[in-house]
Amino acid sequence: MEHSLCFRPFALQFMILVLCVLNISVHASDFPLTLDYYAKTCPTVFDMVRKESECAVLSNPRNAALIIRLHFHDCFVQGCDASVLLDDTISLKGEKKAAPNRNSLKGYDIIDKIKNMVESECPGIVSCADILTIAARDAVILVGGPYWDVPVGRKDSVTAGHDLAESNIPTPNQSLLSLISKFLYQGLSVTDMVALSGSHTIGVARCTNYRDRIYGDFRATTRLNPISEPYLAKLKSSCPNNGGDNNITTLDHVTPNLFDNSYYHILLKGEGLLNSDQELYSSVFGVQTKELVKKYAADPITFFQQFADSMVKMGNILNPESFVTGEVRKNCRFVNT
């Protein structure tokens, strides 16, 4: 996937347009985002996002996972351009009703609230794409995860990618090779994939997304360990073979509200809730991923460092068109009129 990173005055905007017309690759290193993009125009933006994110997560720790998931699903479709936040209109088909997002993504109201606060102080300055990216970092910190600096300067798209959401976003039952291909398409490595999957140390999943796993090879990946049987029984009681599609359970049943490396210990035991999670350790093709799972399980500091680096890398997946036709939305749900 080709990346573009930063908005500048007209000269740079024109350069990006020429590169797009000539079909010349625009990479992250060509136009880097900057840490001080809002230093003069909205110097308090990071403080405002942090305060609103803190209110949301303190009121309900699950909100941290909702914000992070929004960011992931945004970046995997057209790059990190806030297209995931757009509502359907007569002239625009948004991404919210695409299969991987429908009944899965929530937390839009949290971003709305942050945006309203930022707009009250810095009208028309800070993009929804930057707000979502900053909020994802803050959400991780608020539940015990690592800090990283967030480069900013993204623009909001005026389009959405419903069909791309259907094809680009990883799904719970995918095989390891399919998962790897989707991450590589975004310019993310196998190491990035395993580290970013560690965000499943928080959050929940719907029964419909893990039913095949618990009635399938769960016992095989646990090697029929009797210690895992009570957990499996609990999962089956909340997710019957027929019905209960919307019942939820935590992705990490050990420390569900804490961002730590417990997720990898769960995979080592063969107890990953989603097939796409357990594949990282149990797939016959997972030579590299298996070693990474063991590495992050043994060393939480290494996991935190790699997760932070991979989040920055994912946040730098941008939509070149957004720097030509993009904008700073007044309302994250709608293109400006």
C-alpha atoms as a PDB file:
ATOM      1  CA  MET A   1       0.000   0.000   0.000  1.00  0.00           C
ATOM      2  CA  GLU A   2       1.323   3.440  -0.851  1.00  0.00           C
ATOM      3  CA  HIS A   3       1.622   5.902   2.003  1.00  0.00           C
ATOM      4  CA  SER A   4       1.547   9.646   2.212  1.00  0.00           C
ATOM      5  CA  LEU A   5       2.051  11.416   5.437  1.00  0.00           C
ATOM      6  CA  CYS A   6       1.779  15.095   5.855  1.00  0.00           C
ATOM      7  CA  PHE A   7      -0.175  18.140   4.778  1.00  0.00           C
ATOM      8  CA  ARG A   8       1.728  21.319   4.066  1.00  0.00           C
ATOM      9  CA  PRO A   9       0.822  24.531   2.238  1.00  0.00           C
ATOM     10  CA  PHE A  10      -0.164  24.628  -1.423  1.00  0.00           C
ATOM     11  CA  ALA A  11       3.258  23.738  -2.880  1.00  0.00           C
ATOM     12  CA  LEU A  12       3.364  20.385  -1.112  1.00  0.00           C
ATOM     13  CA  GLN A  13      -0.302  19.713  -1.826  1.00  0.00           C
ATOM     14  CA  PHE A  14       0.386  20.322  -5.514  1.00  0.00           C
ATOM     15  CA  MET A  15       3.413  17.998  -5.396  1.00  0.00           C
ATOM     16  CA  ILE A  16       1.326  15.173  -3.942  1.00  0.00           C
ATOM     17  CA  LEU A  17      -1.300  15.721  -6.630  1.00  0.00           C
ATOM     18  CA  VAL A  18       1.366  15.454  -9.353  1.00  0.00           C
ATOM     19  CA  LEU A  19       2.756  12.263  -7.823  1.00  0.00           C
ATOM     20  CA  CYS A  20      -0.713  10.729  -7.694  1.00  0.00           C
ATOM     21  CA  VAL A  21      -1.443  11.682 -11.313  1.00  0.00           C
ATOM     22  CA  LEU A  22       1.877  10.237 -12.465  1.00  0.00           C
ATOM     23  CA  ASN A  23       1.262   7.112 -10.372  1.00  0.00           C
ATOM     24  CA  ILE A  24       4.509   7.637  -8.484  1.00  0.00           C
ATOM     25  CA  SER A  25       4.728   5.993  -5.089  1.00  0.00           C
ATOM     26  CA  VAL A  26       4.267   8.318  -2.124  1.00  0.00           C
ATOM     27  CA  HIS A  27       5.854   6.826   0.973  1.00  0.00           C
ATOM     28  CA  ALA A  28       5.725   7.661   4.659  1.00  0.00           C
ATOM     29  CA  SER A  29       9.306   8.875   4.670  1.00  0.00           C
ATOM     30  CA  ASP A  30       8.658  11.356   1.839  1.00  0.00           C
ATOM     31  CA  PHE A  31       6.234  13.587   3.774  1.00  0.00           C
ATOM     32  CA  PRO A  32       6.493  12.723   7.454  1.00  0.00           C
ATOM     33  CA  LEU A  33       3.901  13.719   9.986  1.00  0.00           C
ATOM     34  CA  THR A  34       5.275  15.865  12.779  1.00  0.00           C
ATOM     35  CA  LEU A  35       4.924  15.987  16.542  1.00  0.00           C
ATOM     36  CA  ASP A  36       4.547  19.786  16.563  1.00  0.00           C
ATOM     37  CA  TYR A  37       2.001  20.154  13.758  1.00  0.00           C
ATOM     38  CA  TYR A  38      -0.477  21.877  16.113  1.00  0.00           C
ATOM     39  CA  ALA A  39       2.114  23.636  18.285  1.00  0.00           C
ATOM     40  CA  LYS A  40       0.989  27.083  17.130  1.00  0.00           C
ATOM     41  CA  THR A  41      -2.556  26.482  15.910  1.00  0.00           C
ATOM     42  CA  CYS A  42      -3.884  24.293  18.754  1.00  0.00           C
ATOM     43  CA  PRO A  43      -1.196  23.745  21.412  1.00  0.00           C
ATOM     44  CA  THR A  44      -3.592  22.187  23.936  1.00  0.00           C
ATOM     45  CA  VAL A  45      -5.010  19.508  21.644  1.00  0.00           C
ATOM     46  CA  PHE A  46      -3.149  16.618  23.287  1.00  0.00           C
ATOM     47  CA  ASP A  47      -4.307  17.724  26.731  1.00  0.00           C
ATOM     48  CA  MET A  48      -7.915  18.007  25.596  1.00  0.00           C
ATOM     49  CA  VAL A  49      -7.928  14.566  23.978  1.00  0.00           C
ATOM     50  CA  ARG A  50      -6.296  13.035  27.033  1.00  0.00           C
ATOM     51  CA  LYS A  51      -8.811  14.551  29.449  1.00  0.00           C
ATOM     52  CA  GLU A  52     -11.839  13.421  27.451  1.00  0.00           C
ATOM     53  CA  SER A  53     -10.335   9.963  26.885  1.00  0.00           C
ATOM     54  CA  GLU A  54      -9.673   9.674  30.590  1.00  0.00           C
ATOM     55  CA  CYS A  55     -13.296  10.490  31.410  1.00  0.00           C
ATOM     56  CA  ALA A  56     -14.492   7.840  28.964  1.00  0.00           C
ATOM     57  CA  VAL A  57     -12.185   5.075  30.182  1.00  0.00           C
ATOM     58  CA  LEU A  58     -12.653   5.820  33.872  1.00  0.00           C
ATOM     59  CA  SER A  59     -16.421   5.658  33.405  1.00  0.00           C
ATOM     60  CA  ASN A  60     -16.081   2.266  31.683  1.00  0.00           C
ATOM     61  CA  PRO A  61     -12.709   0.536  31.125  1.00  0.00           C
ATOM     62  CA  ARG A  62     -14.190  -1.272  28.119  1.00  0.00           C
ATOM     63  CA  ASN A  63     -14.207   2.053  26.282  1.00  0.00           C
ATOM     64  CA  ALA A  64     -10.443   1.786  25.877  1.00  0.00           C
ATOM     65  CA  ALA A  65     -10.833  -1.248  23.630  1.00  0.00           C
ATOM     66  CA  LEU A  66     -13.618   0.450  21.657  1.00  0.00           C
ATOM     67  CA  ILE A  67     -11.382   3.415  20.804  1.00  0.00           C
ATOM     68  CA  ILE A  68      -8.422   1.228  19.850  1.00  0.00           C
ATOM     69  CA  ARG A  69     -10.588  -0.954  17.618  1.00  0.00           C
ATOM     70  CA  LEU A  70     -11.986   2.111  15.847  1.00  0.00           C
ATOM     71  CA  HIS A  71      -8.440   3.227  15.092  1.00  0.00           C
ATOM     72  CA  PHE A  72      -7.429  -0.204  13.754  1.00  0.00           C
ATOM     73  CA  HIS A  73     -10.453  -0.489  11.501  1.00  0.00           C
ATOM     74  CA  ASP A  74      -9.951   3.059  10.253  1.00  0.00           C
ATOM     75  CA  CYS A  75      -6.309   2.582   9.286  1.00  0.00           C
ATOM     76  CA  PHE A  76      -6.933  -0.681   7.422  1.00  0.00           C
ATOM     77  CA  VAL A  77      -9.337   1.056   5.019  1.00  0.00           C
ATOM     78  CA  GLN A  78      -7.989   3.964   2.938  1.00  0.00           C
ATOM     79  CA  GLY A  79      -5.398   4.623   5.623  1.00  0.00           C
ATOM     80  CA  CYS A  80      -5.931   6.555   8.870  1.00  0.00           C
ATOM     81  CA  ASP A  81      -8.300   9.185   7.485  1.00  0.00           C
ATOM     82  CA  ALA A  82     -11.332   8.926   9.804  1.00  0.00           C
ATOM     83  CA  SER A  83     -13.409   7.368   7.024  1.00  0.00           C
ATOM     84  CA  VAL A  84     -14.675   4.822   9.562  1.00  0.00           C
ATOM     85  CA  LEU A  85     -16.463   7.631  11.417  1.00  0.00           C
ATOM     86  CA  LEU A  86     -18.629   8.745   8.470  1.00  0.00           C
ATOM     87  CA  ASP A  87     -22.352   8.030   8.615  1.00  0.00           C
ATOM     88  CA  ASP A  88     -24.290   6.900   5.556  1.00  0.00           C
ATOM     89  CA  THR A  89     -25.905   9.702   3.569  1.00  0.00           C
ATOM     90  CA  ILE A  90     -27.788   9.896   0.289  1.00  0.00           C
ATOM     91  CA  SER A  91     -24.521  10.455  -1.560  1.00  0.00           C
ATOM     92  CA  LEU A  92     -22.081   8.458   0.600  1.00  0.00           C
ATOM     93  CA  LYS A  93     -22.004   4.823   1.660  1.00  0.00           C
ATOM     94  CA  GLY A  94     -20.038   4.646   4.897  1.00  0.00           C
ATOM     95  CA  GLU A  95     -18.065   1.802   6.434  1.00  0.00           C
ATOM     96  CA  LYS A  96     -20.113   1.361   9.614  1.00  0.00           C
ATOM     97  CA  LYS A  97     -22.450  -1.231   8.102  1.00  0.00           C
ATOM     98  CA  ALA A  98     -19.709  -3.271   6.430  1.00  0.00           C
ATOM     99  CA  ALA A  99     -19.624  -6.838   7.774  1.00  0.00           C
ATOM    100  CA  PRO A 100     -16.445  -6.498   9.898  1.00  0.00           C
ATOM    101  CA  ASN A 101     -17.788  -3.290  11.494  1.00  0.00           C
ATOM    102  CA  ARG A 102     -21.490  -3.955  11.880  1.00  0.00           C
ATOM    103  CA  ASN A 103     -22.289  -5.030  15.471  1.00  0.00           C
ATOM    104  CA  SER A 104     -18.572  -4.779  16.212  1.00  0.00           C
ATOM    105  CA  LEU A 105     -17.524  -1.136  16.235  1.00  0.00           C
ATOM    106  CA  LYS A 106     -18.782   1.156  18.961  1.00  0.00           C
ATOM    107  CA  GLY A 107     -17.468   4.235  20.693  1.00  0.00           C
ATOM    108  CA  TYR A 108     -18.330   6.759  17.981  1.00  0.00           C
ATOM    109  CA  ASP A 109     -19.960   8.944  20.618  1.00  0.00           C
ATOM    110  CA  ILE A 110     -16.667   9.093  22.522  1.00  0.00           C
ATOM    111  CA  ILE A 111     -14.894  10.539  19.501  1.00  0.00           C
ATOM    112  CA  ASP A 112     -17.820  12.934  18.950  1.00  0.00           C
ATOM    113  CA  LYS A 113     -17.406  14.266  22.471  1.00  0.00           C
ATOM    114  CA  ILE A 114     -13.654  14.740  22.079  1.00  0.00           C
ATOM    115  CA  LYS A 115     -14.172  16.469  18.741  1.00  0.00           C
ATOM    116  CA  ASN A 116     -16.736  18.856  20.224  1.00  0.00           C
ATOM    117  CA  MET A 117     -14.309  19.810  22.963  1.00  0.00           C
ATOM    118  CA  VAL A 118     -11.467  20.389  20.519  1.00  0.00           C
ATOM    119  CA  GLU A 119     -13.702  22.370  18.143  1.00  0.00           C
ATOM    120  CA  SER A 120     -14.767  24.651  20.982  1.00  0.00           C
ATOM    121  CA  GLU A 121     -11.137  25.616  21.556  1.00  0.00           C
ATOM    122  CA  CYS A 122      -9.631  25.264  18.074  1.00  0.00           C
ATOM    123  CA  PRO A 123     -12.398  25.422  15.451  1.00  0.00           C
ATOM    124  CA  GLY A 124     -11.540  23.932  12.077  1.00  0.00           C
ATOM    125  CA  ILE A 125      -7.963  23.047  13.026  1.00  0.00           C
ATOM    126  CA  VAL A 126      -7.635  19.445  14.257  1.00  0.00           C
ATOM    127  CA  SER A 127      -8.726  16.562  12.034  1.00  0.00           C
ATOM    128  CA  CYS A 128     -10.905  13.715  13.264  1.00  0.00           C
ATOM    129  CA  ALA A 129      -8.202  11.352  11.985  1.00  0.00           C
ATOM    130  CA  ASP A 130      -5.655  12.899  14.353  1.00  0.00           C
ATOM    131  CA  ILE A 131      -8.123  12.924  17.243  1.00  0.00           C
ATOM    132  CA  LEU A 132      -8.820   9.208  16.816  1.00  0.00           C
ATOM    133  CA  THR A 133      -5.111   8.398  16.575  1.00  0.00           C
ATOM    134  CA  ILE A 134      -4.253  10.379  19.710  1.00  0.00           C
ATOM    135  CA  ALA A 135      -7.230   8.933  21.589  1.00  0.00           C
ATOM    136  CA  ALA A 136      -6.110   5.382  20.754  1.00  0.00           C
ATOM    137  CA  ARG A 137      -2.706   6.071  22.308  1.00  0.00           C
ATOM    138  CA  ASP A 138      -4.301   7.600  25.404  1.00  0.00           C
ATOM    139  CA  ALA A 139      -6.724   4.684  25.741  1.00  0.00           C
ATOM    140  CA  VAL A 140      -3.821   2.235  25.845  1.00  0.00           C
ATOM    141  CA  ILE A 141      -2.043   4.269  28.528  1.00  0.00           C
ATOM    142  CA  LEU A 142      -5.176   4.576  30.654  1.00  0.00           C
ATOM    143  CA  VAL A 143      -5.460   0.798  31.044  1.00  0.00           C
ATOM    144  CA  GLY A 144      -1.792   0.267  31.819  1.00  0.00           C
ATOM    145  CA  GLY A 145      -0.174   0.123  28.397  1.00  0.00           C
ATOM    146  CA  PRO A 146       2.857   1.916  26.957  1.00  0.00           C
ATOM    147  CA  TYR A 147       3.301   5.550  25.929  1.00  0.00           C
ATOM    148  CA  TRP A 148       4.429   6.676  22.499  1.00  0.00           C
ATOM    149  CA  ASP A 149       4.632  10.006  20.733  1.00  0.00           C
ATOM    150  CA  VAL A 150       1.895  10.496  18.146  1.00  0.00           C
ATOM    151  CA  PRO A 151       2.911  12.249  14.921  1.00  0.00           C
ATOM    152  CA  VAL A 152       0.039  14.399  13.628  1.00  0.00           C
ATOM    153  CA  GLY A 153      -1.036  16.308  10.548  1.00  0.00           C
ATOM    154  CA  ARG A 154      -3.552  13.918   8.971  1.00  0.00           C
ATOM    155  CA  LYS A 155      -6.538  15.111   6.959  1.00  0.00           C
ATOM    156  CA  ASP A 156     -10.050  13.701   6.991  1.00  0.00           C
ATOM    157  CA  SER A 157     -11.224  11.945   3.865  1.00  0.00           C
ATOM    158  CA  VAL A 158     -14.317  13.021   1.974  1.00  0.00           C
ATOM    159  CA  THR A 159     -14.948   9.421   0.907  1.00  0.00           C
ATOM    160  CA  ALA A 160     -15.438   6.076   2.620  1.00  0.00           C
ATOM    161  CA  GLY A 161     -14.502   2.539   1.608  1.00  0.00           C
ATOM    162  CA  HIS A 162     -17.366   0.182   2.393  1.00  0.00           C
ATOM    163  CA  ASP A 163     -16.119  -2.489  -0.021  1.00  0.00           C
ATOM    164  CA  LEU A 164     -12.533  -2.101   1.190  1.00  0.00           C
ATOM    165  CA  ALA A 165     -13.734  -2.631   4.751  1.00  0.00           C
ATOM    166  CA  GLU A 166     -15.276  -5.911   3.612  1.00  0.00           C
ATOM    167  CA  SER A 167     -11.976  -7.093   2.123  1.00  0.00           C
ATOM    168  CA  ASN A 168      -9.157  -5.414   4.084  1.00  0.00           C
ATOM    169  CA  ILE A 169     -10.084  -5.893   7.740  1.00  0.00           C
ATOM    170  CA  PRO A 170      -8.944  -9.185   9.320  1.00  0.00           C
ATOM    171  CA  THR A 171     -11.753 -11.436  10.506  1.00  0.00           C
ATOM    172  CA  PRO A 172     -11.945 -13.657  13.620  1.00  0.00           C
ATOM    173  CA  ASN A 173     -11.881 -16.983  11.797  1.00  0.00           C
ATOM    174  CA  GLN A 174      -9.122 -16.310   9.304  1.00  0.00           C
ATOM    175  CA  SER A 175      -6.068 -18.493   8.854  1.00  0.00           C
ATOM    176  CA  LEU A 176      -2.582 -17.276   9.666  1.00  0.00           C
ATOM    177  CA  LEU A 177      -1.553 -16.903   6.029  1.00  0.00           C
ATOM    178  CA  SER A 178      -4.632 -14.799   5.285  1.00  0.00           C
ATOM    179  CA  LEU A 179      -3.901 -12.604   8.286  1.00  0.00           C
ATOM    180  CA  ILE A 180      -0.293 -12.111   7.244  1.00  0.00           C
ATOM    181  CA  SER A 181      -1.327 -11.131   3.731  1.00  0.00           C
ATOM    182  CA  LYS A 182      -3.715  -8.467   5.035  1.00  0.00           C
ATOM    183  CA  PHE A 183      -1.046  -6.930   7.256  1.00  0.00           C
ATOM    184  CA  LEU A 184       1.605  -7.047   4.543  1.00  0.00           C
ATOM    185  CA  TYR A 185      -0.812  -5.290   2.193  1.00  0.00           C
ATOM    186  CA  GLN A 186      -0.871  -2.398   4.659  1.00  0.00           C
ATOM    187  CA  GLY A 187       2.932  -2.306   4.814  1.00  0.00           C
ATOM    188  CA  LEU A 188       2.974  -3.971   8.229  1.00  0.00           C
ATOM    189  CA  SER A 189       5.340  -6.839   9.013  1.00  0.00           C
ATOM    190  CA  VAL A 190       4.711 -10.159  10.704  1.00  0.00           C
ATOM    191  CA  THR A 191       6.310  -8.668  13.822  1.00  0.00           C
ATOM    192  CA  ASP A 192       3.879  -5.750  13.665  1.00  0.00           C
ATOM    193  CA  MET A 193       0.977  -8.174  13.296  1.00  0.00           C
ATOM    194  CA  VAL A 194       1.867 -10.225  16.372  1.00  0.00           C
ATOM    195  CA  ALA A 195       2.540  -7.120  18.467  1.00  0.00           C
ATOM    196  CA  LEU A 196      -0.635  -5.315  17.394  1.00  0.00           C
ATOM    197  CA  SER A 197      -2.677  -8.459  18.047  1.00  0.00           C
ATOM    198  CA  GLY A 198      -1.612  -7.996  21.652  1.00  0.00           C
ATOM    199  CA  SER A 199      -4.263  -5.285  21.919  1.00  0.00           C
ATOM    200  CA  HIS A 200      -6.640  -8.209  22.426  1.00  0.00           C
ATOM    201  CA  THR A 201      -5.409  -8.221  25.999  1.00  0.00           C
ATOM    202  CA  ILE A 202      -8.439  -5.953  26.521  1.00  0.00           C
ATOM    203  CA  GLY A 203     -11.897  -5.903  25.000  1.00  0.00           C
ATOM    204  CA  VAL A 204     -14.642  -8.411  24.293  1.00  0.00           C
ATOM    205  CA  ALA A 205     -15.873 -10.607  21.450  1.00  0.00           C
ATOM    206  CA  ARG A 206     -19.350 -11.644  20.387  1.00  0.00           C
ATOM    207  CA  CYS A 207     -20.379 -15.298  20.511  1.00  0.00           C
ATOM    208  CA  THR A 208     -20.852 -15.407  16.750  1.00  0.00           C
ATOM    209  CA  ASN A 209     -17.154 -14.611  16.335  1.00  0.00           C
ATOM    210  CA  TYR A 210     -15.798 -17.352  18.575  1.00  0.00           C
ATOM    211  CA  ARG A 211     -18.434 -20.102  18.326  1.00  0.00           C
ATOM    212  CA  ASP A 212     -16.549 -22.000  15.598  1.00  0.00           C
ATOM    213  CA  ARG A 213     -13.412 -21.856  17.702  1.00  0.00           C
ATOM    214  CA  ILE A 214     -14.840 -23.268  20.941  1.00  0.00           C
ATOM    215  CA  TYR A 215     -16.835 -25.986  19.187  1.00  0.00           C
ATOM    216  CA  GLY A 216     -13.932 -26.672  16.850  1.00  0.00           C
ATOM    217  CA  ASP A 217     -10.247 -27.074  17.653  1.00  0.00           C
ATOM    218  CA  PHE A 218     -10.157 -25.477  21.121  1.00  0.00           C
ATOM    219  CA  ARG A 219      -9.488 -28.780  22.856  1.00  0.00           C
ATOM    220  CA  ALA A 220      -6.840 -29.656  20.279  1.00  0.00           C
ATOM    221  CA  THR A 221      -4.864 -26.446  20.811  1.00  0.00           C
ATOM    222  CA  THR A 222      -5.019 -26.890  24.601  1.00  0.00           C
ATOM    223  CA  ARG A 223      -3.823 -30.477  24.092  1.00  0.00           C
ATOM    224  CA  LEU A 224      -6.789 -31.717  26.109  1.00  0.00           C
ATOM    225  CA  ASN A 225      -5.392 -30.037  29.198  1.00  0.00           C
ATOM    226  CA  PRO A 226      -7.918 -30.623  32.006  1.00  0.00           C
ATOM    227  CA  ILE A 227      -7.003 -27.227  33.488  1.00  0.00           C
ATOM    228  CA  SER A 228      -8.581 -25.577  30.427  1.00  0.00           C
ATOM    229  CA  GLU A 229     -11.831 -27.522  30.642  1.00  0.00           C
ATOM    230  CA  PRO A 230     -13.620 -25.234  33.144  1.00  0.00           C
ATOM    231  CA  TYR A 231     -12.852 -22.221  30.946  1.00  0.00           C
ATOM    232  CA  LEU A 232     -14.152 -24.010  27.855  1.00  0.00           C
ATOM    233  CA  ALA A 233     -17.308 -25.036  29.708  1.00  0.00           C
ATOM    234  CA  LYS A 234     -17.879 -21.440  30.746  1.00  0.00           C
ATOM    235  CA  LEU A 235     -17.465 -20.273  27.159  1.00  0.00           C
ATOM    236  CA  LYS A 236     -19.935 -22.844  25.892  1.00  0.00           C
ATOM    237  CA  SER A 237     -22.492 -21.898  28.532  1.00  0.00           C
ATOM    238  CA  SER A 238     -22.408 -18.285  27.346  1.00  0.00           C
ATOM    239  CA  CYS A 239     -22.237 -19.220  23.676  1.00  0.00           C
ATOM    240  CA  PRO A 240     -24.489 -22.178  22.828  1.00  0.00           C
ATOM    241  CA  ASN A 241     -24.156 -23.976  19.522  1.00  0.00           C
ATOM    242  CA  ASN A 242     -27.428 -22.400  18.417  1.00  0.00           C
ATOM    243  CA  GLY A 243     -28.392 -18.897  19.499  1.00  0.00           C
ATOM    244  CA  GLY A 244     -26.830 -16.261  21.690  1.00  0.00           C
ATOM    245  CA  ASP A 245     -24.963 -14.627  18.821  1.00  0.00           C
ATOM    246  CA  ASN A 246     -24.664 -11.306  20.633  1.00  0.00           C
ATOM    247  CA  ASN A 247     -23.523 -12.707  23.965  1.00  0.00           C
ATOM    248  CA  ILE A 248     -20.076 -11.374  24.807  1.00  0.00           C
ATOM    249  CA  THR A 249     -17.036 -12.551  26.704  1.00  0.00           C
ATOM    250  CA  THR A 250     -13.624 -11.027  27.340  1.00  0.00           C
ATOM    251  CA  LEU A 251     -10.769 -11.716  24.943  1.00  0.00           C
ATOM    252  CA  ASP A 252      -8.402 -12.010  27.903  1.00  0.00           C
ATOM    253  CA  HIS A 253     -10.089 -13.950  30.694  1.00  0.00           C
ATOM    254  CA  VAL A 254      -7.191 -13.443  33.110  1.00  0.00           C
ATOM    255  CA  THR A 255      -6.741  -9.631  33.247  1.00  0.00           C
ATOM    256  CA  PRO A 256      -9.542  -8.324  31.008  1.00  0.00           C
ATOM    257  CA  ASN A 257      -9.242  -4.632  31.924  1.00  0.00           C
ATOM    258  CA  LEU A 258      -5.457  -4.391  32.071  1.00  0.00           C
ATOM    259  CA  PHE A 259      -3.176  -3.828  29.097  1.00  0.00           C
ATOM    260  CA  ASP A 260      -0.421  -6.377  29.720  1.00  0.00           C
ATOM    261  CA  ASN A 261       1.116  -9.445  28.070  1.00  0.00           C
ATOM    262  CA  SER A 262      -1.424 -11.892  29.502  1.00  0.00           C
ATOM    263  CA  TYR A 263      -2.811 -12.387  25.980  1.00  0.00           C
ATOM    264  CA  TYR A 264       0.370 -14.185  24.921  1.00  0.00           C
ATOM    265  CA  HIS A 265       0.330 -16.457  27.974  1.00  0.00           C
ATOM    266  CA  ILE A 266      -3.214 -17.430  27.018  1.00  0.00           C
ATOM    267  CA  LEU A 267      -2.028 -18.344  23.510  1.00  0.00           C
ATOM    268  CA  LEU A 268       0.777 -20.457  24.975  1.00  0.00           C
ATOM    269  CA  LYS A 269      -1.880 -22.471  26.817  1.00  0.00           C
ATOM    270  CA  GLY A 270      -3.870 -22.854  23.585  1.00  0.00           C
ATOM    271  CA  GLU A 271      -6.788 -20.876  25.018  1.00  0.00           C
ATOM    272  CA  GLY A 272      -6.990 -18.019  22.518  1.00  0.00           C
ATOM    273  CA  LEU A 273     -10.636 -17.047  22.163  1.00  0.00           C
ATOM    274  CA  LEU A 274     -10.571 -16.212  18.465  1.00  0.00           C
ATOM    275  CA  ASN A 275      -9.194 -18.522  15.826  1.00  0.00           C
ATOM    276  CA  SER A 276      -7.226 -15.598  14.389  1.00  0.00           C
ATOM    277  CA  ASP A 277      -5.512 -15.181  17.773  1.00  0.00           C
ATOM    278  CA  GLN A 278      -4.629 -18.828  18.420  1.00  0.00           C
ATOM    279  CA  GLU A 279      -3.330 -19.171  14.855  1.00  0.00           C
ATOM    280  CA  LEU A 280      -0.374 -16.991  15.847  1.00  0.00           C
ATOM    281  CA  TYR A 281       0.900 -19.790  18.068  1.00  0.00           C
ATOM    282  CA  SER A 282      -0.712 -23.008  16.859  1.00  0.00           C
ATOM    283  CA  SER A 283      -0.651 -22.740  13.059  1.00  0.00           C
ATOM    284  CA  VAL A 284       1.729 -25.132  11.312  1.00  0.00           C
ATOM    285  CA  PHE A 285       2.838 -22.130   9.256  1.00  0.00           C
ATOM    286  CA  GLY A 286       3.548 -20.024  12.333  1.00  0.00           C
ATOM    287  CA  VAL A 287       7.278 -20.612  12.761  1.00  0.00           C
ATOM    288  CA  GLN A 288       8.035 -16.898  13.135  1.00  0.00           C
ATOM    289  CA  THR A 289       4.802 -15.948  14.877  1.00  0.00           C
ATOM    290  CA  LYS A 290       5.154 -18.729  17.446  1.00  0.00           C
ATOM    291  CA  GLU A 291       8.579 -17.448  18.466  1.00  0.00           C
ATOM    292  CA  LEU A 292       7.243 -13.911  18.758  1.00  0.00           C
ATOM    293  CA  VAL A 293       4.366 -15.061  20.970  1.00  0.00           C
ATOM    294  CA  LYS A 294       6.854 -16.784  23.279  1.00  0.00           C
ATOM    295  CA  LYS A 295       9.095 -13.710  23.236  1.00  0.00           C
ATOM    296  CA  TYR A 296       6.326 -11.291  24.239  1.00  0.00           C
ATOM    297  CA  ALA A 297       4.994 -13.695  26.867  1.00  0.00           C
ATOM    298  CA  ALA A 298       8.437 -13.858  28.462  1.00  0.00           C
ATOM    299  CA  ASP A 299       9.281 -10.149  28.195  1.00  0.00           C
ATOM    300  CA  PRO A 300       6.494  -7.581  28.699  1.00  0.00           C
ATOM    301  CA  ILE A 301       8.901  -4.668  28.203  1.00  0.00           C
ATOM    302  CA  THR A 302       9.853  -5.922  24.745  1.00  0.00           C
ATOM    303  CA  PHE A 303       6.165  -6.335  23.931  1.00  0.00           C
ATOM    304  CA  PHE A 304       5.380  -2.795  25.062  1.00  0.00           C
ATOM    305  CA  GLN A 305       8.237  -1.353  23.017  1.00  0.00           C
ATOM    306  CA  GLN A 306       7.246  -3.218  19.868  1.00  0.00           C
ATOM    307  CA  PHE A 307       3.552  -2.459  20.334  1.00  0.00           C
ATOM    308  CA  ALA A 308       4.315   1.260  20.579  1.00  0.00           C
ATOM    309  CA  ASP A 309       6.536   1.163  17.479  1.00  0.00           C
ATOM    310  CA  SER A 310       3.933  -0.807  15.516  1.00  0.00           C
ATOM    311  CA  MET A 311       1.129   1.567  16.526  1.00  0.00           C
ATOM    312  CA  VAL A 312       3.130   4.505  15.177  1.00  0.00           C
ATOM    313  CA  LYS A 313       3.774   2.553  11.983  1.00  0.00           C
ATOM    314  CA  MET A 314       0.099   1.708  11.587  1.00  0.00           C
ATOM    315  CA  GLY A 315      -0.858   5.310  12.309  1.00  0.00           C
ATOM    316  CA  ASN A 316       1.388   6.344   9.431  1.00  0.00           C
ATOM    317  CA  ILE A 317      -0.712   4.428   6.906  1.00  0.00           C
ATOM    318  CA  LEU A 318      -2.356   7.331   5.170  1.00  0.00           C
ATOM    319  CA  ASN A 319      -4.572   8.063   2.220  1.00  0.00           C
ATOM    320  CA  PRO A 320      -2.688  10.149  -0.388  1.00  0.00           C
ATOM    321  CA  GLU A 321      -5.978  11.511  -1.731  1.00  0.00           C
ATOM    322  CA  SER A 322      -6.847  12.966   1.664  1.00  0.00           C
ATOM    323  CA  PHE A 323      -3.990  15.461   1.277  1.00  0.00           C
ATOM    324  CA  VAL A 324      -5.403  16.659  -2.029  1.00  0.00           C
ATOM    325  CA  THR A 325      -9.171  16.515  -1.534  1.00  0.00           C
ATOM    326  CA  GLY A 326      -9.318  16.020   2.244  1.00  0.00           C
ATOM    327  CA  GLU A 327     -10.407  18.421   4.942  1.00  0.00           C
ATOM    328  CA  VAL A 328     -10.792  19.000   8.657  1.00  0.00           C
ATOM    329  CA  ARG A 329     -14.356  17.937   9.350  1.00  0.00           C
ATOM    330  CA  LYS A 330     -16.470  20.044  11.668  1.00  0.00           C
ATOM    331  CA  ASN A 331     -18.460  16.938  12.609  1.00  0.00           C
ATOM    332  CA  CYS A 332     -16.638  13.615  12.388  1.00  0.00           C
ATOM    333  CA  ARG A 333     -19.782  11.891  11.102  1.00  0.00           C
ATOM    334  CA  PHE A 334     -20.245  14.035   8.013  1.00  0.00           C
ATOM    335  CA  VAL A 335     -18.229  15.616   5.228  1.00  0.00           C
ATOM    336  CA  ASN A 336     -18.255  19.411   5.411  1.00  0.00           C
ATOM    337  CA  THR A 337     -20.852  21.147   3.261  1.00  0.00           C
END
